[in-house]
Amino acid sequence: MGEGQVDLTDADLDLLNSFDSALEAAIEKGDEAAFRKALHDLLDKVREHGTPLAADALEPSQFILPHADAGMDEVRQMLQDDGLIPG
């Protein structure tokens, strides 16, 4: 995201996994419009539910999200076996 680190609860991660699945599906179909919407929806939910960490805090990250303008190929390279978000 390029916006620093945020703390998310397990419940947040469960919610985000549904958005992650939509993102993966759009990439698999090669659907640019669905990909763009799914990426922005995912990032919006992270911003909405995440608690920002202090700018000088550096905690281990469970995952790294792409920036809002990332392309489909760039995000495809970031995908793991279970998407961008583990679980």
C-alpha atoms as a PDB file:
ATOM      1  CA  MET A   1       0.000   0.000   0.000  1.00  0.00           C
ATOM      2  CA  GLY A   2       2.907   2.320   0.639  1.00  0.00           C
ATOM      3  CA  GLU A   3       1.048   3.824   3.566  1.00  0.00           C
ATOM      4  CA  GLY A   4       2.908   2.324   6.515  1.00  0.00           C
ATOM      5  CA  GLN A   5       1.952  -0.591   8.712  1.00  0.00           C
ATOM      6  CA  VAL A   6      -1.431  -1.310  10.251  1.00  0.00           C
ATOM      7  CA  ASP A   7      -2.554  -3.753  12.906  1.00  0.00           C
ATOM      8  CA  LEU A   8      -5.466  -6.018  12.012  1.00  0.00           C
ATOM      9  CA  THR A   9      -7.439  -8.442  14.159  1.00  0.00           C
ATOM     10  CA  ASP A  10      -8.147 -12.045  13.201  1.00  0.00           C
ATOM     11  CA  ALA A  11     -11.739 -11.005  12.460  1.00  0.00           C
ATOM     12  CA  ASP A  12     -10.428  -8.312  10.115  1.00  0.00           C
ATOM     13  CA  LEU A  13      -8.309 -10.902   8.323  1.00  0.00           C
ATOM     14  CA  ASP A  14     -11.340 -13.162   7.861  1.00  0.00           C
ATOM     15  CA  LEU A  15     -13.228 -10.243   6.300  1.00  0.00           C
ATOM     16  CA  LEU A  16     -10.288  -9.285   4.096  1.00  0.00           C
ATOM     17  CA  ASN A  17      -9.938 -12.834   2.781  1.00  0.00           C
ATOM     18  CA  SER A  18     -13.253 -12.476   0.926  1.00  0.00           C
ATOM     19  CA  PHE A  19     -11.888  -9.377  -0.823  1.00  0.00           C
ATOM     20  CA  ASP A  20      -8.629 -11.219  -1.484  1.00  0.00           C
ATOM     21  CA  SER A  21     -10.581 -14.052  -3.124  1.00  0.00           C
ATOM     22  CA  ALA A  22     -12.378 -11.596  -5.402  1.00  0.00           C
ATOM     23  CA  LEU A  23      -9.018 -10.120  -6.377  1.00  0.00           C
ATOM     24  CA  GLU A  24      -7.595 -13.554  -7.197  1.00  0.00           C
ATOM     25  CA  ALA A  25     -10.663 -14.448  -9.248  1.00  0.00           C
ATOM     26  CA  ALA A  26     -10.375 -11.248 -11.288  1.00  0.00           C
ATOM     27  CA  ILE A  27      -6.701 -11.966 -11.976  1.00  0.00           C
ATOM     28  CA  GLU A  28      -7.457 -15.551 -13.018  1.00  0.00           C
ATOM     29  CA  LYS A  29     -10.104 -14.283 -15.474  1.00  0.00           C
ATOM     30  CA  GLY A  30      -7.894 -11.460 -16.720  1.00  0.00           C
ATOM     31  CA  ASP A  31     -10.740  -9.032 -15.976  1.00  0.00           C
ATOM     32  CA  GLU A  32      -9.098  -5.621 -15.566  1.00  0.00           C
ATOM     33  CA  ALA A  33     -12.257  -3.824 -14.388  1.00  0.00           C
ATOM     34  CA  ALA A  34     -13.036  -6.468 -11.755  1.00  0.00           C
ATOM     35  CA  PHE A  35      -9.364  -6.521 -10.729  1.00  0.00           C
ATOM     36  CA  ARG A  36      -9.247  -2.757 -10.240  1.00  0.00           C
ATOM     37  CA  LYS A  37     -12.473  -2.785  -8.183  1.00  0.00           C
ATOM     38  CA  ALA A  38     -11.340  -5.741  -6.057  1.00  0.00           C
ATOM     39  CA  LEU A  39      -7.945  -4.163  -5.367  1.00  0.00           C
ATOM     40  CA  HIS A  40      -9.477  -0.841  -4.330  1.00  0.00           C
ATOM     41  CA  ASP A  41     -12.122  -2.598  -2.208  1.00  0.00           C
ATOM     42  CA  LEU A  42      -9.409  -4.602  -0.420  1.00  0.00           C
ATOM     43  CA  LEU A  43      -7.243  -1.551   0.251  1.00  0.00           C
ATOM     44  CA  ASP A  44     -10.256   0.470   1.410  1.00  0.00           C
ATOM     45  CA  LYS A  45     -11.174  -2.252   3.930  1.00  0.00           C
ATOM     46  CA  VAL A  46      -7.609  -2.359   5.254  1.00  0.00           C
ATOM     47  CA  ARG A  47      -7.686   1.409   5.729  1.00  0.00           C
ATOM     48  CA  GLU A  48     -11.114   1.212   7.367  1.00  0.00           C
ATOM     49  CA  HIS A  49     -10.382  -1.670   9.768  1.00  0.00           C
ATOM     50  CA  GLY A  50      -6.632  -1.391  10.334  1.00  0.00           C
ATOM     51  CA  THR A  51      -5.127   0.507  13.240  1.00  0.00           C
ATOM     52  CA  PRO A  52      -2.088   2.457  11.984  1.00  0.00           C
ATOM     53  CA  LEU A  53       1.174   1.780  13.802  1.00  0.00           C
ATOM     54  CA  ALA A  54       3.425   4.664  14.772  1.00  0.00           C
ATOM     55  CA  ALA A  55       5.613   5.898  11.928  1.00  0.00           C
ATOM     56  CA  ASP A  56       8.764   4.841  13.799  1.00  0.00           C
ATOM     57  CA  ALA A  57       7.392   1.365  14.667  1.00  0.00           C
ATOM     58  CA  LEU A  58       8.677  -1.547  12.671  1.00  0.00           C
ATOM     59  CA  GLU A  59       6.854  -4.784  13.383  1.00  0.00           C
ATOM     60  CA  PRO A  60       7.113  -8.040  11.430  1.00  0.00           C
ATOM     61  CA  SER A  61       4.535  -8.044   8.636  1.00  0.00           C
ATOM     62  CA  GLN A  62       2.284 -11.001   7.892  1.00  0.00           C
ATOM     63  CA  PHE A  63       1.787  -9.736   4.359  1.00  0.00           C
ATOM     64  CA  ILE A  64       2.492  -6.801   2.071  1.00  0.00           C
ATOM     65  CA  LEU A  65      -0.218  -5.243  -0.033  1.00  0.00           C
ATOM     66  CA  PRO A  66       0.291  -3.612  -3.430  1.00  0.00           C
ATOM     67  CA  HIS A  67      -0.229   0.099  -4.006  1.00  0.00           C
ATOM     68  CA  ALA A  68      -3.578   1.227  -5.395  1.00  0.00           C
ATOM     69  CA  ASP A  69      -2.204   1.773  -8.907  1.00  0.00           C
ATOM     70  CA  ALA A  70      -0.488  -1.633  -9.149  1.00  0.00           C
ATOM     71  CA  GLY A  71      -1.063  -3.529 -12.354  1.00  0.00           C
ATOM     72  CA  MET A  72      -2.510  -6.989 -12.640  1.00  0.00           C
ATOM     73  CA  ASP A  73       0.852  -8.560 -13.528  1.00  0.00           C
ATOM     74  CA  GLU A  74       2.533  -6.887 -10.557  1.00  0.00           C
ATOM     75  CA  VAL A  75      -0.130  -8.183  -8.152  1.00  0.00           C
ATOM     76  CA  ARG A  76      -0.064 -11.644  -9.753  1.00  0.00           C
ATOM     77  CA  GLN A  77       3.650 -11.853  -8.888  1.00  0.00           C
ATOM     78  CA  MET A  78       2.865 -10.992  -5.264  1.00  0.00           C
ATOM     79  CA  LEU A  79       0.263 -13.747  -4.848  1.00  0.00           C
ATOM     80  CA  GLN A  80       1.089 -16.683  -2.611  1.00  0.00           C
ATOM     81  CA  ASP A  81      -0.716 -20.036  -2.503  1.00  0.00           C
ATOM     82  CA  ASP A  82      -3.474 -18.442  -0.415  1.00  0.00           C
ATOM     83  CA  GLY A  83      -3.578 -15.046  -2.116  1.00  0.00           C
ATOM     84  CA  LEU A  84      -2.189 -11.804  -0.761  1.00  0.00           C
ATOM     85  CA  ILE A  85      -3.606 -12.394   2.704  1.00  0.00           C
ATOM     86  CA  PRO A  86      -2.752 -15.639   4.503  1.00  0.00           C
ATOM     87  CA  GLY A  87      -5.627 -17.740   5.677  1.00  0.00           C
END
